[in-house]
Amino acid sequence: MKRAILLITFVVLAFACGSVGCSQAGELASTAADKLSSTFERANDLLPSSGTEGADGESGPFGVGGLSLSSTGILNSPDDVVLVPTDDYAQGYEFEYDGEQFTVYFDTYSWRVYDSYKITNHDDIVIICQALINEHPVYGSDWESYRTPEDMAFEWEQHNIAYTMLPEDSPWRDDAKHVDLDPNDQGKTVTEMYESRMD
């Protein structure tokens, strides 16, 4: 849990420095870490101890890779994700999740999930990723292997972390609300994605 809080504090500091200035960024990161720490403690008190394992191997309902309060999703299998082609894009689809319509688009090398920040349950994200892979597989970073639903879910959750922690006026926040599941970001943490975009 401490590693998750440290990572997110670093991310807030890195992103906020560019949007609010470094003098305010430290205070913002400290506040975010305090709030996140108390949220972790409250959630761990309320939820069963047998939560899902996070992407960094931490057990509990959070882990560093997810922000969901529940370890059980509403989807049972990829068959629950019905991808309906849309007229908006050549390879665009819509699916319903928890009563809301979501749009996804495949562009030869990656899937783009619009408003992905709204879906936070790890189990459901993995199932949705499997449904996307069943429709169009995505190459891995070596451009030979294919991505798995678990590593695509990890990337999705890194975007969710960034979206949750970034200030509302940050220009990066709007980018973080959608996820592009592509070969280049396979296995990267949110800080590594940030660093790669700064090069």
N, C-alpha and C. Protein backbone atom coordinates (compact mmCIF):
# COMPACT_ATOMS: atom_id res chain seq x y z
N MET A 1 0.83 -1.20 0.00
CA MET A 1 0.00 0.00 0.00
C MET A 1 0.86 1.25 0.00
N LYS A 2 1.93 1.25 0.79
CA LYS A 2 2.79 2.43 0.84
C LYS A 2 3.42 2.73 -0.51
N ARG A 3 3.80 1.67 -1.26
CA ARG A 3 4.38 1.89 -2.59
C ARG A 3 3.38 2.54 -3.52
N ALA A 4 2.11 2.14 -3.40
CA ALA A 4 1.07 2.73 -4.24
C ALA A 4 0.91 4.21 -3.94
N ILE A 5 0.90 4.56 -2.65
CA ILE A 5 0.75 5.96 -2.27
C ILE A 5 1.95 6.77 -2.72
N LEU A 6 3.16 6.23 -2.57
CA LEU A 6 4.36 6.94 -3.03
C LEU A 6 4.35 7.16 -4.53
N LEU A 7 3.93 6.13 -5.28
CA LEU A 7 3.88 6.25 -6.74
C LEU A 7 2.91 7.33 -7.16
N ILE A 8 1.72 7.32 -6.56
CA ILE A 8 0.70 8.29 -6.95
C ILE A 8 1.12 9.69 -6.52
N THR A 9 1.77 9.82 -5.37
CA THR A 9 2.27 11.12 -4.95
C THR A 9 3.28 11.66 -5.95
N PHE A 10 4.19 10.79 -6.42
CA PHE A 10 5.17 11.20 -7.43
C PHE A 10 4.48 11.64 -8.72
N VAL A 11 3.47 10.90 -9.12
CA VAL A 11 2.75 11.22 -10.36
C VAL A 11 2.08 12.58 -10.24
N VAL A 12 1.39 12.82 -9.12
CA VAL A 12 0.74 14.12 -8.92
C VAL A 12 1.78 15.22 -8.99
N LEU A 13 2.91 15.03 -8.33
CA LEU A 13 3.97 16.03 -8.34
C LEU A 13 4.49 16.28 -9.75
N ALA A 14 4.72 15.21 -10.50
CA ALA A 14 5.26 15.34 -11.85
C ALA A 14 4.30 16.06 -12.78
N PHE A 15 3.02 15.68 -12.73
CA PHE A 15 2.03 16.29 -13.62
C PHE A 15 1.66 17.69 -13.17
N ALA A 16 1.50 17.89 -11.86
CA ALA A 16 1.04 19.17 -11.36
C ALA A 16 2.09 20.25 -11.54
N CYS A 17 3.35 19.88 -11.53
CA CYS A 17 4.42 20.86 -11.70
C CYS A 17 4.23 21.66 -12.98
N GLY A 18 3.80 20.98 -14.03
CA GLY A 18 3.62 21.65 -15.32
C GLY A 18 2.37 22.49 -15.39
N SER A 19 1.32 22.17 -14.58
CA SER A 19 0.06 22.88 -14.74
C SER A 19 -0.18 23.93 -13.66
N VAL A 20 0.30 23.73 -12.44
CA VAL A 20 0.04 24.71 -11.39
C VAL A 20 1.31 25.35 -10.84
N GLY A 21 2.46 24.90 -11.29
CA GLY A 21 3.72 25.42 -10.78
C GLY A 21 4.25 24.55 -9.67
N CYS A 22 5.55 24.41 -9.62
CA CYS A 22 6.18 23.48 -8.68
C CYS A 22 5.98 23.87 -7.23
N SER A 23 5.81 25.16 -6.93
CA SER A 23 5.63 25.56 -5.54
C SER A 23 4.31 25.05 -4.98
N GLN A 24 3.26 25.01 -5.81
CA GLN A 24 1.96 24.49 -5.36
C GLN A 24 1.87 22.98 -5.53
N ALA A 25 2.70 22.41 -6.39
CA ALA A 25 2.61 20.99 -6.70
C ALA A 25 2.94 20.12 -5.49
N GLY A 26 3.93 20.53 -4.71
CA GLY A 26 4.30 19.74 -3.53
C GLY A 26 3.16 19.67 -2.53
N GLU A 27 2.50 20.81 -2.30
CA GLU A 27 1.35 20.84 -1.39
C GLU A 27 0.21 19.98 -1.92
N LEU A 28 -0.04 20.05 -3.23
CA LEU A 28 -1.08 19.24 -3.86
C LEU A 28 -0.78 17.75 -3.72
N ALA A 29 0.46 17.36 -3.96
CA ALA A 29 0.85 15.95 -3.86
C ALA A 29 0.71 15.45 -2.43
N SER A 30 1.10 16.28 -1.46
CA SER A 30 0.99 15.89 -0.06
C SER A 30 -0.47 15.69 0.34
N THR A 31 -1.34 16.59 -0.09
CA THR A 31 -2.77 16.47 0.20
C THR A 31 -3.35 15.22 -0.44
N ALA A 32 -2.96 14.94 -1.69
CA ALA A 32 -3.45 13.74 -2.39
C ALA A 32 -3.00 12.49 -1.66
N ALA A 33 -1.75 12.46 -1.20
CA ALA A 33 -1.23 11.28 -0.50
C ALA A 33 -1.98 11.05 0.81
N ASP A 34 -2.25 12.15 1.56
CA ASP A 34 -2.99 12.02 2.81
C ASP A 34 -4.39 11.47 2.58
N LYS A 35 -5.08 12.03 1.57
CA LYS A 35 -6.44 11.57 1.27
C LYS A 35 -6.43 10.12 0.81
N LEU A 36 -5.47 9.78 -0.03
CA LEU A 36 -5.39 8.43 -0.55
C LEU A 36 -5.09 7.44 0.57
N SER A 37 -4.20 7.82 1.48
CA SER A 37 -3.86 6.94 2.59
C SER A 37 -5.08 6.65 3.45
N SER A 38 -5.86 7.67 3.78
CA SER A 38 -7.04 7.45 4.62
C SER A 38 -8.10 6.66 3.85
N THR A 39 -8.19 6.85 2.53
CA THR A 39 -9.14 6.08 1.72
C THR A 39 -8.76 4.61 1.72
N PHE A 40 -7.46 4.32 1.55
CA PHE A 40 -6.99 2.94 1.60
C PHE A 40 -7.36 2.30 2.95
N GLU A 41 -7.10 3.03 4.04
CA GLU A 41 -7.35 2.47 5.37
C GLU A 41 -8.83 2.21 5.60
N ARG A 42 -9.70 3.17 5.19
CA ARG A 42 -11.14 2.98 5.35
C ARG A 42 -11.63 1.81 4.52
N ALA A 43 -11.16 1.71 3.27
CA ALA A 43 -11.61 0.63 2.39
C ALA A 43 -11.15 -0.72 2.91
N ASN A 44 -9.93 -0.80 3.40
CA ASN A 44 -9.43 -2.07 3.92
C ASN A 44 -10.16 -2.49 5.19
N ASP A 45 -10.67 -1.51 5.96
CA ASP A 45 -11.46 -1.85 7.14
C ASP A 45 -12.83 -2.37 6.76
N LEU A 46 -13.39 -1.84 5.68
CA LEU A 46 -14.76 -2.17 5.29
C LEU A 46 -14.86 -3.41 4.42
N LEU A 47 -13.84 -3.70 3.64
CA LEU A 47 -13.92 -4.78 2.67
C LEU A 47 -13.22 -6.04 3.19
N PRO A 48 -13.61 -7.20 2.64
CA PRO A 48 -12.94 -8.44 3.05
C PRO A 48 -11.45 -8.39 2.75
N SER A 49 -10.66 -9.12 3.52
CA SER A 49 -9.21 -9.10 3.34
C SER A 49 -8.77 -9.87 2.11
N SER A 50 -9.66 -10.64 1.50
CA SER A 50 -9.29 -11.45 0.33
C SER A 50 -9.59 -10.72 -0.97
N GLY A 51 -9.19 -9.46 -1.06
CA GLY A 51 -9.42 -8.70 -2.28
C GLY A 51 -8.53 -9.17 -3.40
N THR A 52 -8.68 -8.53 -4.56
CA THR A 52 -7.89 -8.92 -5.71
C THR A 52 -6.45 -8.47 -5.54
N GLU A 53 -5.54 -9.12 -6.23
CA GLU A 53 -4.13 -8.76 -6.17
C GLU A 53 -3.85 -7.67 -7.17
N GLY A 54 -3.15 -6.63 -6.75
CA GLY A 54 -2.83 -5.52 -7.64
C GLY A 54 -1.75 -5.90 -8.63
N ALA A 55 -1.53 -5.00 -9.60
CA ALA A 55 -0.55 -5.27 -10.65
C ALA A 55 0.86 -5.34 -10.12
N ASP A 56 1.11 -4.75 -8.94
CA ASP A 56 2.46 -4.79 -8.37
C ASP A 56 2.61 -5.91 -7.36
N GLY A 57 1.58 -6.79 -7.25
CA GLY A 57 1.66 -7.90 -6.35
C GLY A 57 1.09 -7.63 -4.97
N GLU A 58 0.66 -6.39 -4.69
CA GLU A 58 0.06 -6.10 -3.40
C GLU A 58 -1.34 -6.67 -3.36
N SER A 59 -1.69 -7.32 -2.25
CA SER A 59 -3.05 -7.82 -2.13
C SER A 59 -3.93 -6.74 -1.51
N GLY A 60 -5.23 -6.98 -1.57
CA GLY A 60 -6.19 -6.01 -1.06
C GLY A 60 -7.03 -5.50 -2.20
N PRO A 61 -8.06 -4.71 -1.91
CA PRO A 61 -9.00 -4.29 -2.93
C PRO A 61 -8.43 -3.27 -3.90
N PHE A 62 -7.32 -2.61 -3.55
CA PHE A 62 -6.79 -1.59 -4.43
C PHE A 62 -5.59 -2.06 -5.24
N GLY A 63 -4.44 -2.29 -4.61
CA GLY A 63 -3.23 -2.53 -5.37
C GLY A 63 -2.89 -1.25 -6.14
N VAL A 64 -1.72 -1.17 -6.72
CA VAL A 64 -1.35 0.05 -7.43
C VAL A 64 -2.06 0.17 -8.78
N GLY A 65 -2.52 -0.96 -9.33
CA GLY A 65 -3.09 -0.91 -10.67
C GLY A 65 -4.54 -0.57 -10.75
N GLY A 66 -5.31 -0.59 -9.67
CA GLY A 66 -6.75 -0.36 -9.78
C GLY A 66 -7.26 0.58 -8.73
N LEU A 67 -8.41 1.19 -9.01
CA LEU A 67 -9.00 2.11 -8.07
C LEU A 67 -10.39 1.65 -7.65
N SER A 68 -10.76 0.42 -7.97
CA SER A 68 -12.09 -0.07 -7.68
C SER A 68 -12.25 -0.42 -6.21
N LEU A 69 -13.41 -0.09 -5.64
CA LEU A 69 -13.71 -0.47 -4.27
C LEU A 69 -14.19 -1.90 -4.16
N SER A 70 -14.55 -2.51 -5.28
CA SER A 70 -15.09 -3.86 -5.26
C SER A 70 -14.19 -4.79 -6.05
N SER A 71 -13.99 -6.01 -5.51
CA SER A 71 -13.17 -6.96 -6.23
C SER A 71 -14.01 -7.81 -7.19
N THR A 72 -15.33 -7.70 -7.12
CA THR A 72 -16.21 -8.46 -7.98
C THR A 72 -16.91 -7.53 -8.95
N GLY A 73 -16.77 -7.81 -10.24
CA GLY A 73 -17.38 -6.95 -11.24
C GLY A 73 -18.80 -7.38 -11.57
N ILE A 74 -19.37 -6.72 -12.57
CA ILE A 74 -20.74 -7.03 -12.99
C ILE A 74 -20.74 -7.90 -14.25
N LEU A 75 -19.56 -8.12 -14.85
CA LEU A 75 -19.47 -8.95 -16.04
C LEU A 75 -18.99 -10.35 -15.66
N ASN A 76 -19.50 -11.35 -16.38
CA ASN A 76 -19.11 -12.73 -16.13
C ASN A 76 -18.12 -13.27 -17.16
N SER A 77 -18.22 -12.78 -18.40
CA SER A 77 -17.36 -13.28 -19.47
C SER A 77 -17.33 -12.26 -20.60
N PRO A 78 -16.40 -12.42 -21.55
CA PRO A 78 -16.35 -11.51 -22.70
C PRO A 78 -17.65 -11.51 -23.52
N ASP A 79 -18.44 -12.58 -23.41
CA ASP A 79 -19.72 -12.62 -24.12
C ASP A 79 -20.70 -11.57 -23.61
N ASP A 80 -20.47 -11.08 -22.40
CA ASP A 80 -21.32 -10.02 -21.84
C ASP A 80 -21.04 -8.66 -22.48
N VAL A 81 -19.93 -8.56 -23.18
CA VAL A 81 -19.54 -7.30 -23.84
C VAL A 81 -19.92 -7.43 -25.31
N VAL A 82 -21.05 -6.86 -25.66
CA VAL A 82 -21.55 -6.96 -27.03
C VAL A 82 -21.07 -5.74 -27.82
N LEU A 83 -20.10 -5.97 -28.72
CA LEU A 83 -19.56 -4.88 -29.53
C LEU A 83 -20.44 -4.68 -30.76
N VAL A 84 -21.09 -3.53 -30.84
CA VAL A 84 -21.99 -3.22 -31.94
C VAL A 84 -21.30 -2.21 -32.85
N PRO A 85 -21.09 -2.54 -34.14
CA PRO A 85 -20.44 -1.58 -35.06
C PRO A 85 -21.22 -0.27 -35.16
N THR A 86 -20.48 0.82 -35.25
CA THR A 86 -21.10 2.13 -35.40
C THR A 86 -20.78 2.69 -36.78
N ASP A 87 -21.52 3.70 -37.18
CA ASP A 87 -21.28 4.37 -38.46
C ASP A 87 -20.26 5.49 -38.33
N ASP A 88 -19.86 5.81 -37.10
CA ASP A 88 -18.96 6.94 -36.87
C ASP A 88 -17.55 6.67 -37.37
N TYR A 89 -17.07 5.44 -37.22
CA TYR A 89 -15.72 5.07 -37.63
C TYR A 89 -15.77 3.78 -38.42
N ALA A 90 -14.76 3.58 -39.26
CA ALA A 90 -14.71 2.35 -40.06
C ALA A 90 -14.64 1.12 -39.15
N GLN A 91 -13.87 1.20 -38.05
CA GLN A 91 -13.77 0.08 -37.12
C GLN A 91 -14.13 0.55 -35.71
N GLY A 92 -15.23 1.29 -35.66
CA GLY A 92 -15.73 1.77 -34.37
C GLY A 92 -16.85 0.87 -33.88
N TYR A 93 -16.94 0.77 -32.56
CA TYR A 93 -17.96 -0.08 -31.93
C TYR A 93 -18.50 0.63 -30.69
N GLU A 94 -19.67 0.18 -30.28
CA GLU A 94 -20.22 0.61 -29.00
C GLU A 94 -20.54 -0.63 -28.17
N PHE A 95 -20.46 -0.48 -26.86
CA PHE A 95 -20.93 -1.54 -25.97
C PHE A 95 -21.55 -0.88 -24.75
N GLU A 96 -22.42 -1.62 -24.10
CA GLU A 96 -23.07 -1.11 -22.89
C GLU A 96 -22.40 -1.69 -21.66
N TYR A 97 -22.17 -0.82 -20.69
CA TYR A 97 -21.61 -1.26 -19.42
C TYR A 97 -22.31 -0.50 -18.30
N ASP A 98 -22.90 -1.22 -17.39
CA ASP A 98 -23.56 -0.64 -16.23
C ASP A 98 -24.56 0.45 -16.63
N GLY A 99 -25.32 0.18 -17.70
CA GLY A 99 -26.36 1.10 -18.15
C GLY A 99 -25.88 2.28 -18.98
N GLU A 100 -24.59 2.33 -19.30
CA GLU A 100 -24.04 3.45 -20.08
C GLU A 100 -23.38 2.93 -21.36
N GLN A 101 -23.49 3.70 -22.43
CA GLN A 101 -22.89 3.33 -23.72
C GLN A 101 -21.45 3.84 -23.78
N PHE A 102 -20.55 2.97 -24.24
CA PHE A 102 -19.14 3.34 -24.43
C PHE A 102 -18.76 3.10 -25.88
N THR A 103 -17.89 3.96 -26.39
CA THR A 103 -17.42 3.85 -27.76
C THR A 103 -15.97 3.41 -27.76
N VAL A 104 -15.64 2.47 -28.63
CA VAL A 104 -14.26 2.02 -28.81
C VAL A 104 -13.95 2.04 -30.31
N TYR A 105 -12.67 2.18 -30.61
CA TYR A 105 -12.25 2.27 -32.01
C TYR A 105 -10.93 1.53 -32.18
N PHE A 106 -10.86 0.70 -33.21
CA PHE A 106 -9.63 -0.02 -33.52
C PHE A 106 -8.98 0.61 -34.75
N ASP A 107 -7.70 0.97 -34.65
CA ASP A 107 -7.04 1.67 -35.76
C ASP A 107 -5.83 0.92 -36.31
N THR A 108 -5.93 -0.35 -36.49
CA THR A 108 -4.90 -1.22 -37.04
C THR A 108 -3.93 -1.72 -35.99
N TYR A 109 -3.47 -0.83 -35.11
CA TYR A 109 -2.47 -1.23 -34.11
C TYR A 109 -2.94 -1.08 -32.66
N SER A 110 -4.06 -0.44 -32.44
CA SER A 110 -4.47 -0.20 -31.05
C SER A 110 -5.98 -0.04 -30.93
N TRP A 111 -6.45 -0.23 -29.71
CA TRP A 111 -7.83 0.06 -29.34
C TRP A 111 -7.86 1.36 -28.57
N ARG A 112 -8.79 2.24 -28.91
CA ARG A 112 -9.02 3.45 -28.12
C ARG A 112 -10.37 3.29 -27.43
N VAL A 113 -10.38 3.43 -26.11
CA VAL A 113 -11.61 3.34 -25.33
C VAL A 113 -11.94 4.74 -24.83
N TYR A 114 -13.04 5.29 -25.31
CA TYR A 114 -13.44 6.64 -24.91
C TYR A 114 -14.10 6.61 -23.53
N ASP A 115 -13.77 7.61 -22.72
CA ASP A 115 -14.29 7.73 -21.35
C ASP A 115 -13.97 6.49 -20.51
N SER A 116 -12.81 5.93 -20.73
CA SER A 116 -12.40 4.72 -20.01
C SER A 116 -12.29 4.95 -18.51
N TYR A 117 -12.10 6.20 -18.08
CA TYR A 117 -11.96 6.51 -16.66
C TYR A 117 -13.21 6.13 -15.87
N LYS A 118 -14.35 5.99 -16.55
CA LYS A 118 -15.60 5.67 -15.86
C LYS A 118 -15.69 4.20 -15.45
N ILE A 119 -14.85 3.36 -16.03
CA ILE A 119 -14.86 1.94 -15.70
C ILE A 119 -13.63 1.66 -14.84
N THR A 120 -13.86 1.29 -13.59
CA THR A 120 -12.74 1.16 -12.64
C THR A 120 -12.59 -0.24 -12.05
N ASN A 121 -13.54 -1.11 -12.25
CA ASN A 121 -13.44 -2.43 -11.65
C ASN A 121 -12.44 -3.28 -12.43
N HIS A 122 -11.42 -3.79 -11.74
CA HIS A 122 -10.35 -4.53 -12.40
C HIS A 122 -10.86 -5.75 -13.17
N ASP A 123 -11.71 -6.55 -12.53
CA ASP A 123 -12.21 -7.77 -13.17
C ASP A 123 -12.94 -7.44 -14.47
N ASP A 124 -13.77 -6.40 -14.43
CA ASP A 124 -14.54 -6.03 -15.62
C ASP A 124 -13.64 -5.46 -16.71
N ILE A 125 -12.61 -4.71 -16.33
CA ILE A 125 -11.68 -4.18 -17.32
C ILE A 125 -10.98 -5.32 -18.05
N VAL A 126 -10.56 -6.34 -17.31
CA VAL A 126 -9.91 -7.50 -17.94
C VAL A 126 -10.87 -8.17 -18.92
N ILE A 127 -12.12 -8.34 -18.53
CA ILE A 127 -13.11 -8.99 -19.42
C ILE A 127 -13.35 -8.15 -20.66
N ILE A 128 -13.46 -6.84 -20.49
CA ILE A 128 -13.66 -5.95 -21.66
C ILE A 128 -12.45 -6.04 -22.59
N CYS A 129 -11.25 -6.04 -22.02
CA CYS A 129 -10.05 -6.16 -22.84
C CYS A 129 -10.03 -7.48 -23.62
N GLN A 130 -10.47 -8.56 -22.99
CA GLN A 130 -10.54 -9.84 -23.69
C GLN A 130 -11.54 -9.76 -24.84
N ALA A 131 -12.66 -9.09 -24.64
CA ALA A 131 -13.65 -8.93 -25.71
C ALA A 131 -13.06 -8.14 -26.87
N LEU A 132 -12.27 -7.12 -26.57
CA LEU A 132 -11.62 -6.32 -27.62
C LEU A 132 -10.60 -7.18 -28.37
N ILE A 133 -9.82 -7.95 -27.63
CA ILE A 133 -8.82 -8.83 -28.26
C ILE A 133 -9.50 -9.86 -29.16
N ASN A 134 -10.64 -10.39 -28.72
CA ASN A 134 -11.38 -11.37 -29.53
C ASN A 134 -11.80 -10.78 -30.87
N GLU A 135 -12.07 -9.48 -30.87
CA GLU A 135 -12.47 -8.79 -32.10
C GLU A 135 -11.26 -8.44 -32.96
N HIS A 136 -10.24 -7.83 -32.33
CA HIS A 136 -9.01 -7.44 -33.03
C HIS A 136 -7.84 -7.53 -32.04
N PRO A 137 -6.95 -8.51 -32.17
CA PRO A 137 -5.78 -8.58 -31.27
C PRO A 137 -4.87 -7.37 -31.48
N VAL A 138 -4.09 -7.06 -30.44
CA VAL A 138 -3.15 -5.94 -30.47
C VAL A 138 -1.74 -6.49 -30.28
N TYR A 139 -0.80 -6.04 -31.11
CA TYR A 139 0.58 -6.47 -30.97
C TYR A 139 1.17 -6.00 -29.65
N GLY A 140 2.12 -6.80 -29.13
CA GLY A 140 2.89 -6.40 -27.97
C GLY A 140 4.00 -5.44 -28.36
N SER A 141 4.77 -4.99 -27.39
CA SER A 141 5.81 -4.00 -27.65
C SER A 141 6.93 -4.53 -28.53
N ASP A 142 7.06 -5.85 -28.65
CA ASP A 142 8.08 -6.41 -29.54
C ASP A 142 7.57 -6.55 -30.98
N TRP A 143 6.32 -6.21 -31.20
CA TRP A 143 5.67 -6.24 -32.52
C TRP A 143 5.63 -7.66 -33.11
N GLU A 144 5.79 -8.66 -32.26
CA GLU A 144 5.67 -10.06 -32.69
C GLU A 144 4.62 -10.80 -31.86
N SER A 145 4.70 -10.63 -30.54
CA SER A 145 3.72 -11.26 -29.65
C SER A 145 2.45 -10.42 -29.64
N TYR A 146 1.44 -10.93 -28.94
CA TYR A 146 0.19 -10.20 -28.80
C TYR A 146 -0.06 -9.86 -27.34
N ARG A 147 -0.73 -8.75 -27.12
CA ARG A 147 -1.03 -8.31 -25.76
C ARG A 147 -2.08 -9.21 -25.13
N THR A 148 -1.99 -9.31 -23.80
CA THR A 148 -2.94 -10.10 -23.04
C THR A 148 -3.98 -9.15 -22.42
N PRO A 149 -5.14 -9.67 -22.04
CA PRO A 149 -6.13 -8.80 -21.39
C PRO A 149 -5.62 -8.22 -20.07
N GLU A 150 -4.77 -8.98 -19.36
CA GLU A 150 -4.24 -8.49 -18.09
C GLU A 150 -3.30 -7.30 -18.28
N ASP A 151 -2.42 -7.39 -19.30
CA ASP A 151 -1.50 -6.25 -19.43
C ASP A 151 -2.19 -5.04 -20.06
N MET A 152 -3.23 -5.27 -20.86
CA MET A 152 -4.03 -4.15 -21.36
C MET A 152 -4.80 -3.50 -20.21
N ALA A 153 -5.30 -4.33 -19.28
CA ALA A 153 -6.01 -3.80 -18.11
C ALA A 153 -5.07 -2.96 -17.25
N PHE A 154 -3.82 -3.40 -17.11
CA PHE A 154 -2.84 -2.63 -16.34
C PHE A 154 -2.66 -1.24 -16.94
N GLU A 155 -2.52 -1.17 -18.27
CA GLU A 155 -2.37 0.13 -18.93
C GLU A 155 -3.60 1.00 -18.71
N TRP A 156 -4.78 0.42 -18.85
CA TRP A 156 -6.04 1.13 -18.63
C TRP A 156 -6.06 1.72 -17.22
N GLU A 157 -5.68 0.92 -16.25
CA GLU A 157 -5.73 1.37 -14.87
C GLU A 157 -4.69 2.46 -14.58
N GLN A 158 -3.58 2.46 -15.30
CA GLN A 158 -2.61 3.54 -15.14
C GLN A 158 -3.22 4.86 -15.60
N HIS A 159 -3.99 4.82 -16.69
CA HIS A 159 -4.71 6.01 -17.15
C HIS A 159 -5.72 6.45 -16.10
N ASN A 160 -6.43 5.49 -15.51
CA ASN A 160 -7.41 5.83 -14.48
C ASN A 160 -6.75 6.51 -13.28
N ILE A 161 -5.58 6.01 -12.90
CA ILE A 161 -4.85 6.63 -11.79
C ILE A 161 -4.51 8.08 -12.13
N ALA A 162 -3.98 8.28 -13.32
CA ALA A 162 -3.61 9.65 -13.73
C ALA A 162 -4.84 10.55 -13.75
N TYR A 163 -5.93 10.06 -14.31
CA TYR A 163 -7.15 10.88 -14.39
C TYR A 163 -7.66 11.24 -13.00
N THR A 164 -7.63 10.29 -12.09
CA THR A 164 -8.14 10.52 -10.75
C THR A 164 -7.30 11.53 -9.98
N MET A 165 -6.00 11.50 -10.17
CA MET A 165 -5.11 12.31 -9.35
C MET A 165 -4.75 13.67 -9.94
N LEU A 166 -4.95 13.85 -11.24
CA LEU A 166 -4.57 15.12 -11.86
C LEU A 166 -5.57 16.22 -11.51
N PRO A 167 -5.10 17.46 -11.36
CA PRO A 167 -6.01 18.58 -11.11
C PRO A 167 -6.95 18.76 -12.30
N GLU A 168 -8.15 19.27 -12.03
CA GLU A 168 -9.15 19.43 -13.08
C GLU A 168 -8.69 20.36 -14.20
N ASP A 169 -7.83 21.32 -13.89
CA ASP A 169 -7.39 22.26 -14.92
C ASP A 169 -6.12 21.80 -15.65
N SER A 170 -5.67 20.59 -15.36
CA SER A 170 -4.47 20.08 -16.03
C SER A 170 -4.79 19.67 -17.47
N PRO A 171 -3.98 20.11 -18.43
CA PRO A 171 -4.21 19.70 -19.83
C PRO A 171 -4.02 18.20 -20.02
N TRP A 172 -3.28 17.54 -19.11
CA TRP A 172 -3.06 16.10 -19.22
C TRP A 172 -4.30 15.31 -18.82
N ARG A 173 -5.17 15.90 -18.03
CA ARG A 173 -6.33 15.16 -17.50
C ARG A 173 -7.28 14.75 -18.62
N ASP A 174 -7.46 15.63 -19.60
CA ASP A 174 -8.36 15.31 -20.70
C ASP A 174 -7.84 14.13 -21.51
N ASP A 175 -6.51 14.04 -21.66
CA ASP A 175 -5.91 12.90 -22.36
C ASP A 175 -6.08 11.61 -21.56
N ALA A 176 -6.00 11.71 -20.24
CA ALA A 176 -6.04 10.52 -19.40
C ALA A 176 -7.44 9.91 -19.32
N LYS A 177 -8.48 10.67 -19.70
CA LYS A 177 -9.84 10.14 -19.58
C LYS A 177 -10.15 9.07 -20.63
N HIS A 178 -9.34 8.99 -21.69
CA HIS A 178 -9.47 7.94 -22.70
C HIS A 178 -8.17 7.13 -22.71
N VAL A 179 -8.26 5.85 -23.02
CA VAL A 179 -7.04 5.05 -23.07
C VAL A 179 -6.84 4.50 -24.47
N ASP A 180 -5.59 4.57 -24.96
CA ASP A 180 -5.18 3.94 -26.21
C ASP A 180 -4.37 2.71 -25.84
N LEU A 181 -4.93 1.55 -26.08
CA LEU A 181 -4.26 0.29 -25.76
C LEU A 181 -3.42 -0.12 -26.96
N ASP A 182 -2.16 0.32 -26.96
CA ASP A 182 -1.31 0.12 -28.12
C ASP A 182 -0.01 -0.60 -27.73
N PRO A 183 0.80 -1.01 -28.70
CA PRO A 183 2.05 -1.72 -28.38
C PRO A 183 3.03 -0.89 -27.55
N ASN A 184 3.10 0.40 -27.81
CA ASN A 184 4.15 1.23 -27.21
C ASN A 184 4.05 1.36 -25.70
N ASP A 185 2.84 1.30 -25.14
CA ASP A 185 2.69 1.51 -23.71
C ASP A 185 2.55 0.21 -22.92
N GLN A 186 2.81 -0.91 -23.54
CA GLN A 186 2.68 -2.19 -22.86
C GLN A 186 3.61 -2.24 -21.64
N GLY A 187 3.05 -2.55 -20.47
CA GLY A 187 3.83 -2.73 -19.25
C GLY A 187 4.33 -1.45 -18.60
N LYS A 188 4.02 -0.29 -19.15
CA LYS A 188 4.52 0.96 -18.58
C LYS A 188 3.63 1.45 -17.45
N THR A 189 4.27 1.95 -16.40
CA THR A 189 3.53 2.60 -15.33
C THR A 189 3.16 4.00 -15.78
N VAL A 190 2.32 4.65 -15.01
CA VAL A 190 1.90 6.00 -15.37
C VAL A 190 3.08 6.96 -15.43
N THR A 191 4.07 6.78 -14.55
CA THR A 191 5.24 7.66 -14.58
C THR A 191 6.09 7.40 -15.83
N GLU A 192 6.20 6.13 -16.23
CA GLU A 192 6.96 5.81 -17.45
C GLU A 192 6.27 6.36 -18.69
N MET A 193 4.94 6.32 -18.71
CA MET A 193 4.21 6.91 -19.84
C MET A 193 4.46 8.41 -19.90
N TYR A 194 4.43 9.05 -18.74
CA TYR A 194 4.68 10.49 -18.67
C TYR A 194 6.08 10.81 -19.19
N GLU A 195 7.06 10.05 -18.72
CA GLU A 195 8.45 10.30 -19.13
C GLU A 195 8.63 10.10 -20.62
N SER A 196 7.97 9.07 -21.22
CA SER A 196 8.11 8.81 -22.64
C SER A 196 7.51 9.93 -23.48
N ARG A 197 6.51 10.60 -22.96
CA ARG A 197 5.88 11.70 -23.69
C ARG A 197 6.66 13.01 -23.55
N MET A 198 7.56 13.05 -22.58
CA MET A 198 8.37 14.24 -22.36
C MET A 198 9.66 14.22 -23.19
N ASP A 199 9.99 13.03 -23.77
CA ASP A 199 11.23 12.90 -24.57
C ASP A 199 11.11 13.62 -25.91
